[in-house]
N, C-alpha and C. Protein backbone atom coordinates (compact mmCIF):
# COMPACT_ATOMS: atom_id res chain seq x y z
N MET A 1 102.06 82.01 139.94
CA MET A 1 101.64 81.89 138.55
C MET A 1 102.35 82.93 137.68
N LEU A 2 102.42 84.16 138.16
CA LEU A 2 103.07 85.22 137.38
C LEU A 2 104.55 84.95 137.22
N SER A 3 105.18 84.46 138.27
CA SER A 3 106.62 84.19 138.18
C SER A 3 106.90 83.08 137.18
N GLY A 4 106.02 82.09 137.09
CA GLY A 4 106.18 81.03 136.10
C GLY A 4 106.05 81.55 134.69
N THR A 5 105.12 82.47 134.49
CA THR A 5 104.92 83.07 133.17
C THR A 5 106.14 83.89 132.76
N VAL A 6 106.65 84.67 133.70
CA VAL A 6 107.82 85.49 133.41
C VAL A 6 109.02 84.60 133.11
N THR A 7 109.17 83.51 133.85
CA THR A 7 110.28 82.58 133.62
C THR A 7 110.18 81.96 132.24
N ARG A 8 108.99 81.53 131.85
CA ARG A 8 108.81 80.93 130.53
C ARG A 8 109.06 81.93 129.41
N LEU A 9 108.59 83.16 129.60
CA LEU A 9 108.82 84.19 128.60
C LEU A 9 110.32 84.48 128.45
N ALA A 10 111.02 84.58 129.56
CA ALA A 10 112.46 84.83 129.52
C ALA A 10 113.18 83.67 128.82
N ALA A 11 112.76 82.44 129.10
CA ALA A 11 113.38 81.28 128.44
C ALA A 11 113.12 81.31 126.94
N PHE A 12 111.88 81.65 126.54
CA PHE A 12 111.54 81.74 125.12
C PHE A 12 112.40 82.78 124.42
N VAL A 13 112.53 83.96 125.02
CA VAL A 13 113.33 85.03 124.42
C VAL A 13 114.79 84.61 124.31
N ALA A 14 115.31 83.96 125.35
CA ALA A 14 116.71 83.53 125.33
C ALA A 14 116.95 82.51 124.22
N VAL A 15 116.04 81.56 124.06
CA VAL A 15 116.20 80.53 123.03
C VAL A 15 116.06 81.15 121.64
N GLN A 16 115.09 82.01 121.45
CA GLN A 16 114.86 82.62 120.13
C GLN A 16 116.01 83.54 119.73
N ALA A 17 116.63 84.19 120.71
CA ALA A 17 117.75 85.09 120.42
C ALA A 17 118.95 84.31 119.89
N ARG A 18 119.07 83.05 120.24
CA ARG A 18 120.23 82.25 119.82
C ARG A 18 119.99 81.43 118.56
N ARG A 19 118.75 81.27 118.16
CA ARG A 19 118.44 80.42 117.00
C ARG A 19 118.80 81.11 115.70
N ARG A 20 119.19 80.32 114.71
CA ARG A 20 119.49 80.85 113.38
C ARG A 20 118.21 81.34 112.70
N GLU A 21 117.14 80.57 112.82
CA GLU A 21 115.85 80.94 112.24
C GLU A 21 114.80 80.92 113.35
N PRO A 22 114.66 82.00 114.09
CA PRO A 22 113.71 82.03 115.21
C PRO A 22 112.25 82.08 114.74
N LEU A 23 111.34 81.73 115.63
CA LEU A 23 109.92 81.84 115.32
C LEU A 23 109.52 83.29 115.13
N MET A 24 110.14 84.17 115.92
CA MET A 24 109.87 85.60 115.82
C MET A 24 111.19 86.35 115.94
N ARG A 25 111.50 87.16 114.94
CA ARG A 25 112.72 87.96 115.01
C ARG A 25 112.58 89.00 116.11
N LEU A 26 113.47 89.00 117.06
CA LEU A 26 113.39 89.95 118.16
C LEU A 26 113.79 91.35 117.71
N SER A 27 114.46 91.46 116.58
CA SER A 27 114.86 92.77 116.07
C SER A 27 113.66 93.57 115.55
N ILE A 28 112.50 92.94 115.47
CA ILE A 28 111.31 93.65 114.97
C ILE A 28 110.96 94.84 115.85
N PHE A 29 111.35 94.78 117.12
CA PHE A 29 111.02 95.87 118.03
C PHE A 29 111.92 97.09 117.86
N ARG A 30 112.97 96.96 117.04
CA ARG A 30 113.86 98.08 116.77
C ARG A 30 113.61 98.70 115.40
N THR A 31 112.64 98.21 114.66
CA THR A 31 112.41 98.70 113.31
C THR A 31 111.69 100.04 113.32
N PRO A 32 111.91 100.86 112.31
CA PRO A 32 111.22 102.14 112.25
C PRO A 32 109.72 102.01 112.00
N ASN A 33 109.25 100.83 111.64
CA ASN A 33 107.81 100.65 111.43
C ASN A 33 107.02 100.85 112.70
N LEU A 34 107.67 100.72 113.84
CA LEU A 34 106.99 100.92 115.11
C LEU A 34 107.22 102.33 115.66
N ALA A 35 107.86 103.16 114.89
CA ALA A 35 108.14 104.52 115.31
C ALA A 35 106.90 105.39 115.09
N ALA A 36 106.93 106.57 115.68
CA ALA A 36 105.81 107.50 115.52
C ALA A 36 105.67 107.92 114.07
N TYR A 37 104.45 107.93 113.58
CA TYR A 37 104.21 108.28 112.18
C TYR A 37 102.78 108.76 112.03
N THR A 38 102.58 109.91 111.42
CA THR A 38 101.24 110.42 111.14
C THR A 38 101.16 110.85 109.68
N VAL A 39 99.93 110.89 109.17
CA VAL A 39 99.69 111.33 107.80
C VAL A 39 98.58 112.36 107.85
N ALA A 40 98.80 113.50 107.21
CA ALA A 40 97.80 114.55 107.14
C ALA A 40 97.41 114.76 105.68
N ASP A 41 96.10 114.70 105.41
CA ASP A 41 95.59 114.90 104.06
C ASP A 41 94.30 115.70 104.16
N ARG A 42 94.40 116.97 103.83
CA ARG A 42 93.28 117.91 103.93
C ARG A 42 92.70 117.92 105.34
N ASN A 43 91.49 117.41 105.52
CA ASN A 43 90.83 117.45 106.82
C ASN A 43 91.03 116.18 107.65
N MET A 44 91.77 115.23 107.13
CA MET A 44 91.97 113.98 107.85
C MET A 44 93.42 113.86 108.30
N ILE A 45 93.60 113.59 109.58
CA ILE A 45 94.93 113.33 110.13
C ILE A 45 94.84 111.99 110.83
N THR A 46 95.72 111.10 110.50
CA THR A 46 95.67 109.76 111.08
C THR A 46 97.05 109.36 111.61
N GLU A 47 97.05 108.43 112.54
CA GLU A 47 98.30 107.95 113.11
C GLU A 47 98.46 106.47 112.86
N ARG A 48 99.70 106.00 112.94
CA ARG A 48 99.98 104.59 112.69
C ARG A 48 99.87 103.77 113.97
N ASN A 49 100.34 104.28 115.08
CA ASN A 49 100.35 103.53 116.33
C ASN A 49 100.31 104.47 117.51
N PRO A 50 100.15 103.95 118.73
CA PRO A 50 100.05 104.83 119.90
C PRO A 50 101.27 105.72 120.13
N ALA A 51 102.43 105.34 119.61
CA ALA A 51 103.62 106.18 119.77
C ALA A 51 103.47 107.49 119.01
N SER A 52 102.51 107.57 118.12
CA SER A 52 102.30 108.75 117.30
C SER A 52 101.38 109.78 117.95
N ALA A 53 100.90 109.51 119.14
CA ALA A 53 99.90 110.39 119.76
C ALA A 53 100.42 111.81 119.93
N GLY A 54 101.66 111.98 120.35
CA GLY A 54 102.21 113.32 120.54
C GLY A 54 102.33 114.09 119.23
N VAL A 55 102.79 113.42 118.20
CA VAL A 55 102.93 114.05 116.88
C VAL A 55 101.55 114.40 116.34
N LEU A 56 100.58 113.52 116.54
CA LEU A 56 99.21 113.77 116.08
C LEU A 56 98.63 114.99 116.79
N ALA A 57 98.86 115.10 118.09
CA ALA A 57 98.35 116.24 118.84
C ALA A 57 98.95 117.55 118.32
N GLU A 58 100.24 117.56 118.02
CA GLU A 58 100.88 118.76 117.47
C GLU A 58 100.26 119.15 116.14
N GLN A 59 100.00 118.17 115.27
CA GLN A 59 99.40 118.48 113.97
C GLN A 59 97.97 118.98 114.14
N LEU A 60 97.22 118.42 115.08
CA LEU A 60 95.86 118.89 115.31
C LEU A 60 95.85 120.34 115.81
N LEU A 61 96.78 120.68 116.68
CA LEU A 61 96.84 122.05 117.19
C LEU A 61 97.17 123.05 116.08
N LYS A 62 97.91 122.64 115.08
CA LYS A 62 98.22 123.51 113.95
C LYS A 62 96.98 123.76 113.09
N VAL A 63 96.12 122.75 112.98
CA VAL A 63 94.96 122.83 112.10
C VAL A 63 93.78 123.54 112.77
N LEU A 64 93.60 123.32 114.07
CA LEU A 64 92.45 123.90 114.77
C LEU A 64 92.61 125.41 114.91
N PRO A 65 91.47 126.14 114.82
CA PRO A 65 91.54 127.60 114.93
C PRO A 65 91.83 128.06 116.33
């Protein structure tokens, strides 16, 4: 069952990579929107995605006594 799923996923990616107008642009995974990003405003520090965990931890260590 898993091998069938992997085969179908690989086929989908291969077809979408060749289409002029794909259902999902595969280049979305290279965009900076998925990069680490945090925002600090007074007492609130927030992150955009799990890739930001390290940056968030560094900012928290700066703020904590």
